Amino acid sequence: MAHKFEIYKDKAGEFRVRFKYNSEVMFSTEGYASKSGAKDAIASIKKNAPDAEIEDNA
């Protein structure tokens, strides 16, 4: 698969999600106290992002 969500624990012990495309990190989230919080973030992104607008400030 060319893209995936990855849950990991940062140095502070918080759970974070990063989205990778072709092994390159495209973005990562804020830290969550629990793994379930990170999983909820993934579910929210999947549900709410398909119609996200593009804002070009260039």
N, C-alpha and C. Protein backbone atom coordinates (compact mmCIF):
# COMPACT_ATOMS: atom_id res chain seq x y z
N MET A 1 0.84 -1.18 0.00
CA MET A 1 0.00 0.00 0.00
C MET A 1 0.89 1.24 0.00
N ALA A 2 0.56 2.19 -0.83
CA ALA A 2 1.37 3.38 -0.98
C ALA A 2 1.17 4.38 0.14
N HIS A 3 0.05 4.27 0.87
CA HIS A 3 -0.21 5.24 1.93
C HIS A 3 -0.76 4.53 3.16
N LYS A 4 -0.50 5.13 4.33
CA LYS A 4 -0.97 4.51 5.57
C LYS A 4 -0.91 5.50 6.72
N PHE A 5 -1.74 5.23 7.72
CA PHE A 5 -1.67 5.93 8.99
C PHE A 5 -0.79 5.09 9.91
N GLU A 6 0.00 5.74 10.72
CA GLU A 6 0.90 5.04 11.63
C GLU A 6 0.75 5.67 13.03
N ILE A 7 0.45 4.84 14.02
CA ILE A 7 0.37 5.30 15.41
C ILE A 7 1.71 5.01 16.07
N TYR A 8 2.25 6.01 16.77
CA TYR A 8 3.52 5.81 17.46
C TYR A 8 3.52 6.60 18.76
N LYS A 9 4.42 6.27 19.63
CA LYS A 9 4.58 6.96 20.90
C LYS A 9 5.77 7.89 20.80
N ASP A 10 5.57 9.16 21.16
CA ASP A 10 6.66 10.13 21.08
C ASP A 10 7.52 10.08 22.34
N LYS A 11 8.55 10.91 22.38
CA LYS A 11 9.49 10.91 23.51
C LYS A 11 8.83 11.30 24.83
N ALA A 12 7.73 12.05 24.75
CA ALA A 12 7.00 12.46 25.96
C ALA A 12 6.02 11.40 26.43
N GLY A 13 5.91 10.31 25.68
CA GLY A 13 5.01 9.22 26.05
C GLY A 13 3.59 9.38 25.51
N GLU A 14 3.39 10.37 24.64
CA GLU A 14 2.06 10.57 24.06
C GLU A 14 1.95 9.79 22.75
N PHE A 15 0.71 9.44 22.40
CA PHE A 15 0.46 8.74 21.15
C PHE A 15 0.20 9.78 20.06
N ARG A 16 0.83 9.57 18.92
CA ARG A 16 0.65 10.46 17.77
C ARG A 16 0.35 9.62 16.54
N VAL A 17 -0.23 10.27 15.56
CA VAL A 17 -0.53 9.62 14.28
C VAL A 17 0.24 10.37 13.21
N ARG A 18 0.89 9.62 12.35
CA ARG A 18 1.47 10.24 11.17
C ARG A 18 0.89 9.55 9.95
N PHE A 19 0.74 10.32 8.89
CA PHE A 19 0.24 9.79 7.63
C PHE A 19 1.41 9.73 6.68
N LYS A 20 1.65 8.56 6.13
CA LYS A 20 2.76 8.37 5.20
C LYS A 20 2.24 8.03 3.81
N TYR A 21 2.89 8.60 2.82
CA TYR A 21 2.62 8.28 1.43
C TYR A 21 3.96 7.94 0.78
N ASN A 22 4.06 6.74 0.25
CA ASN A 22 5.33 6.26 -0.31
C ASN A 22 6.49 6.46 0.67
N SER A 23 6.27 6.12 1.91
CA SER A 23 7.26 6.18 2.99
C SER A 23 7.62 7.59 3.43
N GLU A 24 7.02 8.61 2.83
CA GLU A 24 7.30 9.99 3.23
C GLU A 24 6.20 10.48 4.17
N VAL A 25 6.58 11.06 5.29
CA VAL A 25 5.60 11.59 6.24
C VAL A 25 4.98 12.85 5.65
N MET A 26 3.66 12.80 5.48
CA MET A 26 2.93 13.94 4.93
C MET A 26 2.47 14.88 6.04
N PHE A 27 2.03 14.30 7.16
CA PHE A 27 1.65 15.10 8.33
C PHE A 27 1.63 14.22 9.56
N SER A 28 1.66 14.87 10.73
CA SER A 28 1.48 14.16 11.98
C SER A 28 0.56 14.99 12.87
N THR A 29 -0.06 14.32 13.82
CA THR A 29 -1.05 14.96 14.67
C THR A 29 -0.44 15.45 15.97
N GLU A 30 -1.26 16.10 16.75
CA GLU A 30 -0.89 16.46 18.12
C GLU A 30 -0.77 15.18 18.93
N GLY A 31 -0.29 15.27 20.15
CA GLY A 31 -0.16 14.10 21.01
C GLY A 31 -1.46 13.79 21.72
N TYR A 32 -1.73 12.53 21.92
CA TYR A 32 -2.92 12.06 22.64
C TYR A 32 -2.47 11.22 23.83
N ALA A 33 -3.22 11.31 24.93
CA ALA A 33 -2.87 10.58 26.14
C ALA A 33 -3.06 9.07 25.98
N SER A 34 -3.99 8.68 25.10
CA SER A 34 -4.26 7.25 24.94
C SER A 34 -4.22 6.85 23.47
N LYS A 35 -4.00 5.57 23.24
CA LYS A 35 -3.99 5.06 21.89
C LYS A 35 -5.38 5.19 21.27
N SER A 36 -6.42 5.05 22.08
CA SER A 36 -7.77 5.19 21.55
C SER A 36 -8.01 6.62 21.05
N GLY A 37 -7.40 7.62 21.69
CA GLY A 37 -7.49 8.99 21.20
C GLY A 37 -6.87 9.13 19.82
N ALA A 38 -5.74 8.48 19.61
CA ALA A 38 -5.08 8.51 18.30
C ALA A 38 -5.94 7.80 17.26
N LYS A 39 -6.55 6.68 17.63
CA LYS A 39 -7.43 5.96 16.70
C LYS A 39 -8.66 6.79 16.37
N ASP A 40 -9.18 7.52 17.35
CA ASP A 40 -10.32 8.41 17.09
C ASP A 40 -9.94 9.51 16.11
N ALA A 41 -8.71 10.01 16.21
CA ALA A 41 -8.23 11.03 15.28
C ALA A 41 -8.20 10.49 13.85
N ILE A 42 -7.73 9.26 13.69
CA ILE A 42 -7.71 8.64 12.36
C ILE A 42 -9.13 8.53 11.81
N ALA A 43 -10.05 8.06 12.64
CA ALA A 43 -11.45 7.91 12.21
C ALA A 43 -12.03 9.26 11.80
N SER A 44 -11.72 10.31 12.55
CA SER A 44 -12.21 11.64 12.23
C SER A 44 -11.66 12.15 10.91
N ILE A 45 -10.37 11.94 10.69
CA ILE A 45 -9.75 12.37 9.43
C ILE A 45 -10.39 11.64 8.26
N LYS A 46 -10.56 10.33 8.39
CA LYS A 46 -11.16 9.55 7.31
C LYS A 46 -12.59 10.00 7.02
N LYS A 47 -13.33 10.34 8.06
CA LYS A 47 -14.73 10.73 7.90
C LYS A 47 -14.88 12.14 7.35
N ASN A 48 -14.08 13.08 7.84
CA ASN A 48 -14.30 14.49 7.56
C ASN A 48 -13.43 15.10 6.47
N ALA A 49 -12.36 14.44 6.08
CA ALA A 49 -11.42 15.06 5.15
C ALA A 49 -11.70 14.89 3.66
N PRO A 50 -12.50 13.93 3.23
CA PRO A 50 -12.64 13.75 1.78
C PRO A 50 -13.08 15.00 1.02
N ASP A 51 -13.87 15.85 1.66
CA ASP A 51 -14.36 17.05 0.99
C ASP A 51 -13.68 18.32 1.48
N ALA A 52 -12.53 18.18 2.10
CA ALA A 52 -11.82 19.33 2.63
C ALA A 52 -11.45 20.30 1.52
N GLU A 53 -11.64 21.58 1.81
CA GLU A 53 -11.29 22.61 0.83
C GLU A 53 -9.78 22.79 0.77
N ILE A 54 -9.32 23.33 -0.32
CA ILE A 54 -7.90 23.68 -0.47
C ILE A 54 -7.81 25.19 -0.39
N GLU A 55 -7.01 25.69 0.52
CA GLU A 55 -6.80 27.12 0.65
C GLU A 55 -5.39 27.46 0.19
N ASP A 56 -5.31 28.23 -0.87
CA ASP A 56 -4.02 28.59 -1.45
C ASP A 56 -3.71 30.03 -1.07
N ASN A 57 -2.75 30.21 -0.18
CA ASN A 57 -2.37 31.54 0.29
C ASN A 57 -1.11 32.06 -0.37
N ALA A 58 -0.71 31.42 -1.46
CA ALA A 58 0.52 31.83 -2.12
C ALA A 58 0.33 33.05 -2.98
